[in-house]
C-alpha atoms as a PDB file:
ATOM      1  CA  PHE A   1      32.592 181.065 169.054  1.00  0.00           C
ATOM      2  CA  THR A   2      35.165 181.071 172.238  1.00  0.00           C
ATOM      3  CA  ASP A   3      34.755 181.211 175.327  1.00  0.00           C
ATOM      4  CA  GLN A   4      35.706 185.402 175.300  1.00  0.00           C
ATOM      5  CA  ASP A   5      33.452 185.601 172.304  1.00  0.00           C
ATOM      6  CA  PHE A   6      30.684 184.196 173.908  1.00  0.00           C
ATOM      7  CA  LEU A   7      31.026 186.681 176.882  1.00  0.00           C
ATOM      8  CA  ALA A   8      31.497 189.763 175.116  1.00  0.00           C
ATOM      9  CA  LEU A   9      27.894 188.362 173.587  1.00  0.00           C
ATOM     10  CA  ALA A  10      26.234 187.912 176.565  1.00  0.00           C
ATOM     11  CA  LEU A  11      27.274 191.234 178.385  1.00  0.00           C
ATOM     12  CA  GLY A  12      25.944 192.925 174.944  1.00  0.00           C
ATOM     13  CA  MET A  13      23.264 191.305 175.701  1.00  0.00           C
ATOM     14  CA  VAL A  14      21.811 191.803 179.331  1.00  0.00           C
ATOM     15  CA  VAL A  15      23.295 195.215 178.368  1.00  0.00           C
ATOM     16  CA  SER A  16      21.042 196.172 176.143  1.00  0.00           C
ATOM     17  CA  PHE A  17      18.305 194.388 177.521  1.00  0.00           C
ATOM     18  CA  LEU A  18      18.485 196.517 180.662  1.00  0.00           C
ATOM     19  CA  VAL A  19      19.564 200.180 178.071  1.00  0.00           C
ATOM     20  CA  ALA A  20      15.965 198.866 176.591  1.00  0.00           C
ATOM     21  CA  TRP A  21      13.551 198.779 179.316  1.00  0.00           C
ATOM     22  CA  ALA A  22      15.132 202.112 181.201  1.00  0.00           C
ATOM     23  CA  VAL A  23      13.903 203.002 177.669  1.00  0.00           C
ATOM     24  CA  ILE A  24      10.633 202.256 178.063  1.00  0.00           C
ATOM     25  CA  ALA A  25      10.431 203.155 181.121  1.00  0.00           C
ATOM     26  CA  ALA A  26      11.171 206.684 180.518  1.00  0.00           C
ATOM     27  CA  PHE A  27       9.207 206.704 177.584  1.00  0.00           C
ATOM     28  CA  LEU A  28       6.136 205.935 179.257  1.00  0.00           C
ATOM     29  CA  THR A  29       6.537 208.617 181.538  1.00  0.00           C
ATOM     30  CA  TYR A  30       6.175 210.635 179.384  1.00  0.00           C
ATOM     31  CA  VAL A  31       3.576 209.386 177.408  1.00  0.00           C
ATOM     32  CA  LYS A  32       1.165 209.803 180.908  1.00  0.00           C
ATOM     33  CA  ARG A  33       2.565 213.270 181.384  1.00  0.00           C
ATOM     34  CA  HIS A  34       2.517 214.421 177.674  1.00  0.00           C
ATOM     35  CA  THR A  35       1.101 214.173 174.738  1.00  0.00           C
ATOM     36  CA  LEU A  36       2.962 212.365 171.366  1.00  0.00           C
ATOM     37  CA  ARG A  37       2.016 216.044 169.585  1.00  0.00           C
ATOM     38  CA  VAL A  38       5.916 216.537 169.097  1.00  0.00           C
ATOM     39  CA  PHE A  39       6.820 213.674 167.995  1.00  0.00           C
ATOM     40  CA  ALA A  40       4.250 213.342 165.545  1.00  0.00           C
ATOM     41  CA  TYR A  41       5.711 216.466 163.983  1.00  0.00           C
ATOM     42  CA  TYR A  42       9.450 215.456 164.145  1.00  0.00           C
ATOM     43  CA  ARG A  43       7.437 212.339 162.071  1.00  0.00           C
ATOM     44  CA  ILE A  44       5.473 214.817 159.543  1.00  0.00           C
ATOM     45  CA  MET A  45       8.992 216.649 159.061  1.00  0.00           C
ATOM     46  CA  LEU A  46      10.977 213.911 158.256  1.00  0.00           C
ATOM     47  CA  GLY A  47       8.775 212.646 156.256  1.00  0.00           C
ATOM     48  CA  VAL A  48       8.826 215.774 153.938  1.00  0.00           C
ATOM     49  CA  LEU A  49      12.448 215.749 154.335  1.00  0.00           C
ATOM     50  CA  VAL A  50      12.987 212.344 152.837  1.00  0.00           C
ATOM     51  CA  ILE A  51      10.538 212.974 150.212  1.00  0.00           C
ATOM     52  CA  LEU A  52      12.154 216.059 149.252  1.00  0.00           C
ATOM     53  CA  VAL A  53      16.074 214.682 148.954  1.00  0.00           C
ATOM     54  CA  VAL A  54      14.557 211.533 147.582  1.00  0.00           C
ATOM     55  CA  ARG A  55      13.577 213.556 144.354  1.00  0.00           C
END
């Protein structure tokens, strides 16, 4: 790795960490106020779609 490669990698890791932290915080806030019913329906529909496509 060059210094520039290391800097880009480190910056990417920091940005990834911050974005993940924000998404987790937003998701936990959502879960406190709502149910996961919409997520469950989405996963069921996606599963059915995958089964139909794979056949």
